[in-house]
C-alpha atoms as a PDB file:
ATOM      1  CA  MET A   1    -172.133  84.425 162.427  1.00  0.00           C
ATOM      2  CA  ARG A   2    -174.273  83.075 159.604  1.00  0.00           C
ATOM      3  CA  VAL A   3    -177.950  83.193 160.586  1.00  0.00           C
ATOM      4  CA  GLY A   4    -180.806  81.302 158.944  1.00  0.00           C
ATOM      5  CA  ALA A   5    -184.477  80.794 159.732  1.00  0.00           C
ATOM      6  CA  VAL A   6    -187.107  78.108 159.142  1.00  0.00           C
ATOM      7  CA  ILE A   7    -190.792  79.061 158.997  1.00  0.00           C
ATOM      8  CA  THR A   8    -193.173  76.101 158.863  1.00  0.00           C
ATOM      9  CA  ALA A   9    -196.367  76.843 156.939  1.00  0.00           C
ATOM     10  CA  ALA A  10    -197.485  73.501 155.502  1.00  0.00           C
ATOM     11  CA  GLY A  11    -200.583  72.964 157.663  1.00  0.00           C
ATOM     12  CA  MET A  12    -204.208  73.198 156.577  1.00  0.00           C
ATOM     13  CA  SER A  13    -205.312  75.834 159.158  1.00  0.00           C
ATOM     14  CA  SER A  14    -208.307  73.615 159.996  1.00  0.00           C
ATOM     15  CA  ARG A  15    -208.993  75.146 163.432  1.00  0.00           C
ATOM     16  CA  MET A  16    -208.837  78.687 162.057  1.00  0.00           C
ATOM     17  CA  GLY A  17    -211.255  78.042 159.194  1.00  0.00           C
ATOM     18  CA  ASP A  18    -209.153  80.323 156.974  1.00  0.00           C
ATOM     19  CA  PHE A  19    -205.624  80.153 155.590  1.00  0.00           C
ATOM     20  CA  LYS A  20    -203.531  81.592 158.436  1.00  0.00           C
ATOM     21  CA  PRO A  21    -200.367  82.721 156.624  1.00  0.00           C
ATOM     22  CA  LEU A  22    -202.318  85.090 154.366  1.00  0.00           C
ATOM     23  CA  LEU A  23    -204.490  86.672 157.056  1.00  0.00           C
ATOM     24  CA  ASN A  24    -203.633  90.328 157.584  1.00  0.00           C
ATOM     25  CA  ILE A  25    -202.409  91.988 160.730  1.00  0.00           C
ATOM     26  CA  GLY A  26    -202.590  95.680 160.021  1.00  0.00           C
ATOM     27  CA  SER A  27    -201.490  96.266 156.430  1.00  0.00           C
ATOM     28  CA  MET A  28    -199.284  93.157 156.254  1.00  0.00           C
ATOM     29  CA  SER A  29    -200.007  89.440 156.071  1.00  0.00           C
ATOM     30  CA  ILE A  30    -198.944  87.188 158.937  1.00  0.00           C
ATOM     31  CA  VAL A  31    -196.242  85.499 156.884  1.00  0.00           C
ATOM     32  CA  LYS A  32    -194.822  88.750 155.494  1.00  0.00           C
ATOM     33  CA  ARG A  33    -194.657  90.168 159.004  1.00  0.00           C
ATOM     34  CA  ILE A  34    -192.585  87.207 160.208  1.00  0.00           C
ATOM     35  CA  VAL A  35    -190.226  87.477 157.235  1.00  0.00           C
ATOM     36  CA  ALA A  36    -189.775  91.225 157.834  1.00  0.00           C
ATOM     37  CA  THR A  37    -188.991  90.684 161.532  1.00  0.00           C
ATOM     38  CA  LEU A  38    -186.444  87.951 160.827  1.00  0.00           C
ATOM     39  CA  ARG A  39    -184.797  90.050 158.131  1.00  0.00           C
ATOM     40  CA  GLN A  40    -184.620  93.063 160.440  1.00  0.00           C
ATOM     41  CA  ALA A  41    -182.864  90.937 163.066  1.00  0.00           C
ATOM     42  CA  GLY A  42    -180.236  89.760 160.582  1.00  0.00           C
ATOM     43  CA  ALA A  43    -181.460  86.401 159.251  1.00  0.00           C
ATOM     44  CA  GLU A  44    -179.832  86.041 155.853  1.00  0.00           C
ATOM     45  CA  ASN A  45    -181.228  82.684 154.674  1.00  0.00           C
ATOM     46  CA  ILE A  46    -184.952  82.313 155.310  1.00  0.00           C
ATOM     47  CA  VAL A  47    -186.718  79.086 154.329  1.00  0.00           C
ATOM     48  CA  LEU A  48    -190.502  78.779 154.152  1.00  0.00           C
ATOM     49  CA  VAL A  49    -191.771  75.187 154.185  1.00  0.00           C
ATOM     50  CA  THR A  50    -195.098  75.062 152.368  1.00  0.00           C
ATOM     51  CA  GLY A  51    -197.670  72.331 151.770  1.00  0.00           C
ATOM     52  CA  TYR A  52    -201.388  73.127 151.816  1.00  0.00           C
ATOM     53  CA  ASN A  53    -202.201  76.002 149.446  1.00  0.00           C
ATOM     54  CA  ALA A  54    -198.504  76.124 148.551  1.00  0.00           C
ATOM     55  CA  GLU A  55    -198.834  77.852 145.185  1.00  0.00           C
ATOM     56  CA  ALA A  56    -200.889  80.744 146.574  1.00  0.00           C
ATOM     57  CA  LEU A  57    -198.464  81.221 149.463  1.00  0.00           C
ATOM     58  CA  GLU A  58    -195.411  81.106 147.202  1.00  0.00           C
ATOM     59  CA  ARG A  59    -196.989  83.609 144.779  1.00  0.00           C
ATOM     60  CA  HIS A  60    -197.770  85.892 147.721  1.00  0.00           C
ATOM     61  CA  LEU A  61    -194.074  85.970 148.670  1.00  0.00           C
ATOM     62  CA  ALA A  62    -192.600  85.806 145.170  1.00  0.00           C
ATOM     63  CA  GLY A  63    -189.649  88.157 144.887  1.00  0.00           C
ATOM     64  CA  SER A  64    -189.204  88.435 148.649  1.00  0.00           C
ATOM     65  CA  GLY A  65    -185.791  86.776 148.615  1.00  0.00           C
ATOM     66  CA  ILE A  66    -186.702  83.658 150.565  1.00  0.00           C
ATOM     67  CA  VAL A  67    -186.379  79.977 149.681  1.00  0.00           C
ATOM     68  CA  PHE A  68    -189.502  77.835 149.242  1.00  0.00           C
ATOM     69  CA  LEU A  69    -189.411  74.128 150.067  1.00  0.00           C
ATOM     70  CA  ARG A  70    -192.460  71.876 150.001  1.00  0.00           C
ATOM     71  CA  ASN A  71    -193.708  69.210 152.351  1.00  0.00           C
ATOM     72  CA  GLU A  72    -195.536  67.180 149.712  1.00  0.00           C
ATOM     73  CA  ASP A  73    -196.959  64.840 152.360  1.00  0.00           C
ATOM     74  CA  TYR A  74    -198.454  67.668 154.459  1.00  0.00           C
ATOM     75  CA  GLU A  75    -201.840  65.927 154.798  1.00  0.00           C
ATOM     76  CA  HIS A  76    -200.294  62.927 156.566  1.00  0.00           C
ATOM     77  CA  SER A  77    -197.367  64.495 158.408  1.00  0.00           C
ATOM     78  CA  HIS A  78    -196.768  66.871 161.305  1.00  0.00           C
ATOM     79  CA  MET A  79    -195.011  70.189 161.890  1.00  0.00           C
ATOM     80  CA  PHE A  80    -191.878  68.293 162.947  1.00  0.00           C
ATOM     81  CA  ASP A  81    -191.609  66.807 159.452  1.00  0.00           C
ATOM     82  CA  SER A  82    -191.781  70.283 157.922  1.00  0.00           C
ATOM     83  CA  ALA A  83    -189.204  71.542 160.434  1.00  0.00           C
ATOM     84  CA  LYS A  84    -186.790  68.788 159.366  1.00  0.00           C
ATOM     85  CA  ILE A  85    -187.180  69.767 155.700  1.00  0.00           C
ATOM     86  CA  GLY A  86    -186.139  73.323 156.503  1.00  0.00           C
ATOM     87  CA  LEU A  87    -183.362  72.362 158.915  1.00  0.00           C
ATOM     88  CA  ALA A  88    -181.877  69.888 156.432  1.00  0.00           C
ATOM     89  CA  TYR A  89    -181.569  72.687 153.898  1.00  0.00           C
ATOM     90  CA  LEU A  90    -179.877  75.149 156.290  1.00  0.00           C
ATOM     91  CA  VAL A  91    -177.731  72.895 158.452  1.00  0.00           C
ATOM     92  CA  ASP A  92    -174.552  73.281 156.381  1.00  0.00           C
ATOM     93  CA  LYS A  93    -175.141  76.933 155.602  1.00  0.00           C
ATOM     94  CA  CYS A  94    -175.681  78.566 159.008  1.00  0.00           C
ATOM     95  CA  ASP A  95    -174.092  78.726 162.449  1.00  0.00           C
ATOM     96  CA  ARG A  96    -177.427  79.536 164.102  1.00  0.00           C
ATOM     97  CA  ILE A  97    -180.943  78.735 162.917  1.00  0.00           C
ATOM     98  CA  LEU A  98    -184.165  80.357 164.118  1.00  0.00           C
ATOM     99  CA  PHE A  99    -187.266  78.175 164.056  1.00  0.00           C
ATOM    100  CA  THR A 100    -190.841  79.446 164.146  1.00  0.00           C
ATOM    101  CA  PRO A 101    -194.300  78.244 163.104  1.00  0.00           C
ATOM    102  CA  VAL A 102    -196.111  80.632 160.767  1.00  0.00           C
ATOM    103  CA  ASP A 103    -198.916  81.351 163.244  1.00  0.00           C
ATOM    104  CA  ILE A 104    -196.778  83.232 165.802  1.00  0.00           C
ATOM    105  CA  PRO A 105    -196.104  86.551 164.041  1.00  0.00           C
ATOM    106  CA  LEU A 106    -195.742  89.298 166.634  1.00  0.00           C
ATOM    107  CA  TYR A 107    -192.430  88.762 168.426  1.00  0.00           C
ATOM    108  CA  THR A 108    -190.036  91.646 167.832  1.00  0.00           C
ATOM    109  CA  ALA A 109    -186.697  91.891 166.049  1.00  0.00           C
ATOM    110  CA  SER A 110    -185.225  92.949 169.388  1.00  0.00           C
ATOM    111  CA  THR A 111    -186.215  89.577 170.891  1.00  0.00           C
ATOM    112  CA  VAL A 112    -184.599  87.744 167.981  1.00  0.00           C
ATOM    113  CA  SER A 113    -181.423  89.802 168.426  1.00  0.00           C
ATOM    114  CA  ILE A 114    -181.321  88.972 172.141  1.00  0.00           C
ATOM    115  CA  LEU A 115    -181.476  85.265 171.287  1.00  0.00           C
ATOM    116  CA  LEU A 116    -178.734  85.580 168.677  1.00  0.00           C
ATOM    117  CA  ASN A 117    -176.485  87.586 170.987  1.00  0.00           C
ATOM    118  CA  SER A 118    -176.863  85.067 173.822  1.00  0.00           C
ATOM    119  CA  GLY A 119    -174.261  82.743 172.345  1.00  0.00           C
ATOM    120  CA  ALA A 120    -176.498  79.802 173.284  1.00  0.00           C
ATOM    121  CA  GLU A 121    -176.618  76.560 171.320  1.00  0.00           C
ATOM    122  CA  LEU A 122    -180.289  76.139 172.202  1.00  0.00           C
ATOM    123  CA  ALA A 123    -182.512  78.927 173.514  1.00  0.00           C
ATOM    124  CA  CYS A 124    -186.085  80.132 173.692  1.00  0.00           C
ATOM    125  CA  PRO A 125    -187.583  83.439 174.859  1.00  0.00           C
ATOM    126  CA  THR A 126    -189.854  83.570 177.915  1.00  0.00           C
ATOM    127  CA  TYR A 127    -192.396  86.147 179.039  1.00  0.00           C
ATOM    128  CA  ASN A 128    -193.678  86.036 182.618  1.00  0.00           C
ATOM    129  CA  GLY A 129    -192.331  82.511 182.918  1.00  0.00           C
ATOM    130  CA  GLN A 130    -194.003  81.196 179.739  1.00  0.00           C
ATOM    131  CA  SER A 131    -191.903  79.898 176.854  1.00  0.00           C
ATOM    132  CA  GLY A 132    -192.521  81.127 173.332  1.00  0.00           C
ATOM    133  CA  HIS A 133    -191.044  81.470 169.834  1.00  0.00           C
ATOM    134  CA  PRO A 134    -188.805  81.690 167.932  1.00  0.00           C
ATOM    135  CA  LEU A 135    -186.397  78.986 169.020  1.00  0.00           C
ATOM    136  CA  LEU A 136    -182.660  79.361 168.490  1.00  0.00           C
ATOM    137  CA  LEU A 137    -180.706  76.274 167.392  1.00  0.00           C
ATOM    138  CA  SER A 138    -177.008  75.801 166.757  1.00  0.00           C
ATOM    139  CA  ASP A 139    -175.778  73.791 163.809  1.00  0.00           C
ATOM    140  CA  TYR A 140    -175.014  70.940 166.233  1.00  0.00           C
ATOM    141  CA  VAL A 141    -178.527  70.930 167.707  1.00  0.00           C
ATOM    142  CA  ALA A 142    -180.087  71.056 164.253  1.00  0.00           C
ATOM    143  CA  ARG A 143    -178.089  67.980 163.242  1.00  0.00           C
ATOM    144  CA  LYS A 144    -179.235  66.101 166.343  1.00  0.00           C
ATOM    145  CA  ILE A 145    -182.866  66.971 165.588  1.00  0.00           C
ATOM    146  CA  LEU A 146    -182.499  65.706 162.020  1.00  0.00           C
ATOM    147  CA  THR A 147    -181.498  62.255 163.288  1.00  0.00           C
ATOM    148  CA  ASP A 148    -184.225  62.108 165.947  1.00  0.00           C
ATOM    149  CA  SER A 149    -187.081  59.599 165.857  1.00  0.00           C
ATOM    150  CA  GLY A 150    -189.670  62.368 166.006  1.00  0.00           C
ATOM    151  CA  GLU A 151    -191.542  60.926 168.963  1.00  0.00           C
ATOM    152  CA  GLY A 152    -193.236  63.824 170.725  1.00  0.00           C
ATOM    153  CA  GLY A 153    -192.612  66.161 167.799  1.00  0.00           C
ATOM    154  CA  MET A 154    -190.230  69.099 167.941  1.00  0.00           C
ATOM    155  CA  GLN A 155    -190.409  69.329 171.718  1.00  0.00           C
ATOM    156  CA  GLY A 156    -189.493  65.678 172.096  1.00  0.00           C
ATOM    157  CA  ALA A 157    -186.551  66.013 169.724  1.00  0.00           C
ATOM    158  CA  ILE A 158    -185.262  69.056 171.591  1.00  0.00           C
ATOM    159  CA  THR A 159    -185.515  67.201 174.905  1.00  0.00           C
ATOM    160  CA  ARG A 160    -183.390  64.379 173.503  1.00  0.00           C
ATOM    161  CA  CYS A 161    -180.787  66.491 171.675  1.00  0.00           C
ATOM    162  CA  GLY A 162    -178.341  66.483 174.603  1.00  0.00           C
ATOM    163  CA  VAL A 163    -178.145  70.273 174.972  1.00  0.00           C
ATOM    164  CA  ASP A 164    -179.904  72.142 177.766  1.00  0.00           C
ATOM    165  CA  MET A 165    -182.409  74.801 176.750  1.00  0.00           C
ATOM    166  CA  LEU A 166    -181.451  78.328 177.809  1.00  0.00           C
ATOM    167  CA  GLU A 167    -184.596  80.248 178.723  1.00  0.00           C
ATOM    168  CA  ILE A 168    -184.148  83.976 178.121  1.00  0.00           C
ATOM    169  CA  SER A 169    -186.590  86.379 179.726  1.00  0.00           C
ATOM    170  CA  VAL A 170    -187.719  89.138 177.337  1.00  0.00           C
ATOM    171  CA  ASP A 171    -190.147  92.029 177.607  1.00  0.00           C
ATOM    172  CA  ASP A 172    -192.107  90.837 174.580  1.00  0.00           C
ATOM    173  CA  GLU A 173    -195.555  89.330 175.005  1.00  0.00           C
ATOM    174  CA  GLY A 174    -195.661  88.716 171.251  1.00  0.00           C
ATOM    175  CA  ILE A 175    -193.636  85.511 171.700  1.00  0.00           C
ATOM    176  CA  LEU A 176    -196.757  83.858 173.136  1.00  0.00           C
ATOM    177  CA  HIS A 177    -199.564  84.971 170.811  1.00  0.00           C
ATOM    178  CA  ASP A 178    -200.552  82.536 168.057  1.00  0.00           C
ATOM    179  CA  ALA A 179    -203.332  82.441 165.483  1.00  0.00           C
ATOM    180  CA  ASP A 180    -204.624  78.918 165.946  1.00  0.00           C
ATOM    181  CA  THR A 181    -208.326  79.829 166.205  1.00  0.00           C
ATOM    182  CA  PRO A 182    -210.531  82.819 165.271  1.00  0.00           C
ATOM    183  CA  GLN A 183    -210.456  83.876 168.935  1.00  0.00           C
ATOM    184  CA  ASP A 184    -206.641  83.771 168.930  1.00  0.00           C
ATOM    185  CA  TYR A 185    -206.584  85.865 165.752  1.00  0.00           C
ATOM    186  CA  LYS A 186    -208.812  88.497 167.351  1.00  0.00           C
ATOM    187  CA  LYS A 187    -206.419  88.721 170.294  1.00  0.00           C
ATOM    188  CA  LEU A 188    -203.502  89.052 167.879  1.00  0.00           C
ATOM    189  CA  LEU A 189    -205.134  92.037 166.227  1.00  0.00           C
ATOM    190  CA  GLU A 190    -205.779  93.680 169.576  1.00  0.00           C
ATOM    191  CA  PHE A 191    -202.192  93.100 170.688  1.00  0.00           C
ATOM    192  CA  HIS A 192    -200.802  94.399 167.392  1.00  0.00           C
ATOM    193  CA  ASN A 193    -202.459  97.766 167.899  1.00  0.00           C
ATOM    194  CA  LYS A 194    -200.470  98.230 171.119  1.00  0.00           C
ATOM    195  CA  GLN A 195    -197.062  97.387 169.672  1.00  0.00           C
ATOM    196  CA  LEU A 196    -194.187  99.852 169.454  1.00  0.00           C
ATOM    197  CA  ALA A 197    -193.001 101.244 166.137  1.00  0.00           C
ATOM    198  CA  ARG A 198    -189.763  99.892 164.676  1.00  0.00           C
ATOM    199  CA  PRO A 199    -187.489 100.635 161.709  1.00  0.00           C
ATOM    200  CA  ILE A 200    -187.550  98.424 158.614  1.00  0.00           C
ATOM    201  CA  VAL A 201    -184.494  98.909 156.404  1.00  0.00           C
ATOM    202  CA  SER A 202    -184.447  98.091 152.688  1.00  0.00           C
ATOM    203  CA  ILE A 203    -181.123  98.565 150.900  1.00  0.00           C
ATOM    204  CA  SER A 204    -180.415  99.047 147.191  1.00  0.00           C
ATOM    205  CA  ILE A 205    -177.238  99.946 145.333  1.00  0.00           C
ATOM    206  CA  ALA A 206    -177.779 102.266 142.377  1.00  0.00           C
ATOM    207  CA  ARG A 207    -176.138 104.323 139.700  1.00  0.00           C
ATOM    208  CA  GLU A 208    -178.720 105.824 137.352  1.00  0.00           C
ATOM    209  CA  ASN A 209    -181.082 103.012 138.380  1.00  0.00           C
ATOM    210  CA  HIS A 210    -180.867 100.526 141.220  1.00  0.00           C
ATOM    211  CA  PHE A 211    -179.138  97.290 140.253  1.00  0.00           C
ATOM    212  CA  PHE A 212    -178.482  95.354 143.479  1.00  0.00           C
ATOM    213  CA  ASP A 213    -180.601  94.624 146.564  1.00  0.00           C
ATOM    214  CA  ASN A 214    -181.335  91.750 148.942  1.00  0.00           C
ATOM    215  CA  LYS A 215    -183.433  89.924 146.324  1.00  0.00           C
ATOM    216  CA  THR A 216    -180.555  90.036 143.853  1.00  0.00           C
ATOM    217  CA  ALA A 217    -178.234  88.858 146.607  1.00  0.00           C
ATOM    218  CA  MET A 218    -180.498  85.884 147.305  1.00  0.00           C
ATOM    219  CA  LEU A 219    -180.579  85.012 143.588  1.00  0.00           C
ATOM    220  CA  LEU A 220    -176.770  85.027 143.392  1.00  0.00           C
ATOM    221  CA  SER A 221    -176.502  82.912 146.540  1.00  0.00           C
ATOM    222  CA  LEU A 222    -178.911  80.316 145.153  1.00  0.00           C
ATOM    223  CA  ILE A 223    -177.203  80.251 141.757  1.00  0.00           C
ATOM    224  CA  ASP A 224    -173.901  79.476 143.408  1.00  0.00           C
ATOM    225  CA  GLU A 225    -175.461  76.893 145.699  1.00  0.00           C
ATOM    226  CA  THR A 226    -177.455  75.005 143.056  1.00  0.00           C
ATOM    227  CA  GLY A 227    -175.255  75.584 140.020  1.00  0.00           C
ATOM    228  CA  SER A 228    -178.413  76.327 138.044  1.00  0.00           C
ATOM    229  CA  MET A 229    -180.343  79.460 137.145  1.00  0.00           C
ATOM    230  CA  ILE A 230    -183.499  77.375 136.701  1.00  0.00           C
ATOM    231  CA  ALA A 231    -183.232  75.865 140.184  1.00  0.00           C
ATOM    232  CA  ALA A 232    -182.375  79.227 141.775  1.00  0.00           C
ATOM    233  CA  CYS A 233    -185.348  80.968 140.160  1.00  0.00           C
ATOM    234  CA  GLY A 234    -187.640  78.086 141.097  1.00  0.00           C
ATOM    235  CA  ARG A 235    -186.781  78.432 144.779  1.00  0.00           C
ATOM    236  CA  MET A 236    -187.585  82.159 144.649  1.00  0.00           C
ATOM    237  CA  GLN A 237    -190.741  81.866 142.514  1.00  0.00           C
ATOM    238  CA  LEU A 238    -188.976  84.023 139.907  1.00  0.00           C
ATOM    239  CA  SER A 239    -189.271  83.428 136.171  1.00  0.00           C
ATOM    240  CA  TYR A 240    -186.189  82.159 134.357  1.00  0.00           C
ATOM    241  CA  SER A 241    -186.130  85.169 132.021  1.00  0.00           C
ATOM    242  CA  ALA A 242    -186.479  87.587 134.935  1.00  0.00           C
ATOM    243  CA  GLY A 243    -183.535  85.892 136.645  1.00  0.00           C
ATOM    244  CA  TRP A 244    -181.247  86.348 133.670  1.00  0.00           C
ATOM    245  CA  ASN A 245    -182.473  89.916 133.142  1.00  0.00           C
ATOM    246  CA  THR A 246    -181.499  90.685 136.734  1.00  0.00           C
ATOM    247  CA  VAL A 247    -178.012  89.249 136.228  1.00  0.00           C
ATOM    248  CA  ARG A 248    -177.501  91.029 132.880  1.00  0.00           C
ATOM    249  CA  ASN A 249    -178.530  94.363 134.385  1.00  0.00           C
ATOM    250  CA  LEU A 250    -176.145  93.801 137.294  1.00  0.00           C
ATOM    251  CA  GLU A 251    -173.242  92.895 135.003  1.00  0.00           C
ATOM    252  CA  ASN A 252    -173.916  95.876 132.715  1.00  0.00           C
ATOM    253  CA  GLN A 253    -173.954  98.294 135.648  1.00  0.00           C
ATOM    254  CA  MET A 254    -170.801  96.862 137.225  1.00  0.00           C
ATOM    255  CA  GLN A 255    -168.931  96.154 133.987  1.00  0.00           C
ATOM    256  CA  LYS A 256    -167.871  92.840 135.511  1.00  0.00           C
ATOM    257  CA  SER A 257    -168.738  89.191 134.936  1.00  0.00           C
ATOM    258  CA  ILE A 258    -170.814  88.089 137.935  1.00  0.00           C
ATOM    259  CA  VAL A 259    -172.206  84.713 136.781  1.00  0.00           C
ATOM    260  CA  SER A 260    -170.272  82.255 134.630  1.00  0.00           C
ATOM    261  CA  ARG A 261    -172.249  79.959 132.359  1.00  0.00           C
ATOM    262  CA  THR A 262    -171.492  76.698 130.598  1.00  0.00           C
ATOM    263  CA  GLN A 263    -173.988  75.386 128.086  1.00  0.00           C
ATOM    264  CA  GLY A 264    -175.024  71.967 126.874  1.00  0.00           C
ATOM    265  CA  GLY A 265    -172.799  68.936 126.964  1.00  0.00           C
ATOM    266  CA  SER A 266    -173.553  65.467 128.296  1.00  0.00           C
ATOM    267  CA  GLY A 267    -174.134  66.799 131.805  1.00  0.00           C
ATOM    268  CA  GLY A 268    -176.178  69.810 130.747  1.00  0.00           C
ATOM    269  CA  GLY A 269    -175.351  73.462 131.399  1.00  0.00           C
ATOM    270  CA  ASN A 270    -174.640  75.135 134.698  1.00  0.00           C
ATOM    271  CA  SER A 271    -174.135  78.562 136.250  1.00  0.00           C
ATOM    272  CA  ARG A 272    -171.748  79.672 138.996  1.00  0.00           C
ATOM    273  CA  LEU A 273    -170.650  82.919 140.556  1.00  0.00           C
ATOM    274  CA  THR A 274    -167.339  84.345 139.460  1.00  0.00           C
ATOM    275  CA  GLU A 275    -164.836  85.553 142.056  1.00  0.00           C
ATOM    276  CA  ASP A 276    -166.209  89.088 141.556  1.00  0.00           C
ATOM    277  CA  GLY A 277    -169.706  87.737 142.121  1.00  0.00           C
ATOM    278  CA  ARG A 278    -168.757  86.051 145.388  1.00  0.00           C
ATOM    279  CA  GLU A 279    -166.918  89.142 146.597  1.00  0.00           C
ATOM    280  CA  LEU A 280    -169.915  91.370 145.781  1.00  0.00           C
ATOM    281  CA  LEU A 281    -172.215  89.035 147.695  1.00  0.00           C
ATOM    282  CA  ARG A 282    -169.865  88.910 150.695  1.00  0.00           C
ATOM    283  CA  ARG A 283    -169.502  92.679 150.917  1.00  0.00           C
ATOM    284  CA  PHE A 284    -173.216  93.363 150.466  1.00  0.00           C
ATOM    285  CA  THR A 285    -174.151  90.871 153.197  1.00  0.00           C
ATOM    286  CA  GLN A 286    -171.765  92.475 155.676  1.00  0.00           C
ATOM    287  CA  TYR A 287    -172.866  95.998 154.696  1.00  0.00           C
ATOM    288  CA  GLU A 288    -176.562  95.144 155.033  1.00  0.00           C
ATOM    289  CA  SER A 289    -176.034  93.591 158.481  1.00  0.00           C
ATOM    290  CA  TRP A 290    -174.122  96.651 159.718  1.00  0.00           C
ATOM    291  CA  LEU A 291    -176.736  99.089 158.414  1.00  0.00           C
ATOM    292  CA  ARG A 292    -179.604  97.233 160.084  1.00  0.00           C
ATOM    293  CA  GLU A 293    -177.849  97.201 163.442  1.00  0.00           C
ATOM    294  CA  GLU A 294    -177.012 100.885 163.125  1.00  0.00           C
ATOM    295  CA  ALA A 295    -180.560 101.766 162.052  1.00  0.00           C
ATOM    296  CA  THR A 296    -182.001 100.020 165.118  1.00  0.00           C
ATOM    297  CA  GLN A 297    -179.635 101.855 167.469  1.00  0.00           C
ATOM    298  CA  GLN A 298    -180.296 105.259 165.898  1.00  0.00           C
ATOM    299  CA  PHE A 299    -184.049 104.675 165.862  1.00  0.00           C
ATOM    300  CA  GLN A 300    -183.985 104.142 169.612  1.00  0.00           C
ATOM    301  CA  ILE A 301    -181.987 107.362 170.075  1.00  0.00           C
ATOM    302  CA  PHE A 302    -184.284 109.505 167.927  1.00  0.00           C
ATOM    303  CA  PHE A 303    -187.685 107.985 168.709  1.00  0.00           C
ATOM    304  CA  GLU A 304    -187.413 106.228 172.106  1.00  0.00           C
ATOM    305  CA  ASP A 305    -189.863 108.596 173.866  1.00  0.00           C
ATOM    306  CA  PHE A 306    -191.891 109.671 170.837  1.00  0.00           C
ATOM    307  CA  PHE A 307    -194.200 106.754 170.021  1.00  0.00           C
END
């Protein structure tokens, strides 16, 4: 199952009085915490829809292996418009899509996994009878939302999509806590201090030095999708030279051609993955998913009663 995620972060944080995505919870910003949780649960393609303060937010997450898309009309649009930007990008790439606003950062990877394992086309987690985030959407539901009028926002579109919402009870109060106001943020911090520890797995492949990790995998995926190193680097907030340096290092270490290039001509140059490049990306994605699942299971065995 191909899993993607949309995080909407285009708003102006007017009720908070500060820029919510970059506020810290513990040692990590709100937005980085959400990305880490989604990654831990197996989301391969993560899209962050930015708008207000977009450049600062994109710099903050540069090199994190996520795709940045902008809602240029953020001052005159709503969260639903940002959601549609992200869904439109992922709809042909994923079987299931997780959707979450940027101000709900403390749900657990376990909750996300429960949603993904439910097999539902449309699902949300509940805690003590209250619905929360993230939402789980199938490719079909995402397509229905993209053609919706938008009346009543995301909730209205979901009501009209023709698929019943599966409410899944979870033991995770974090699905409810947002950071809409300074008072909400204070409660978030208090709740964070009570949370359980969890494993966060970062994988690199190395010989003398590491040459392949999830950021490199994202770069290859975007090169193959866009047919352009410039476009791929732009979506990752990575410099063009750094992108090619990454590919050259990878090819030198593997002694294989990973990216094919054509230059100039009437249509301009382009870049694509070779068959070896696609096979490397496929194997790494499967390996990373297996390791994360195994790490979560072993963590529970070794540390269940310790923290």
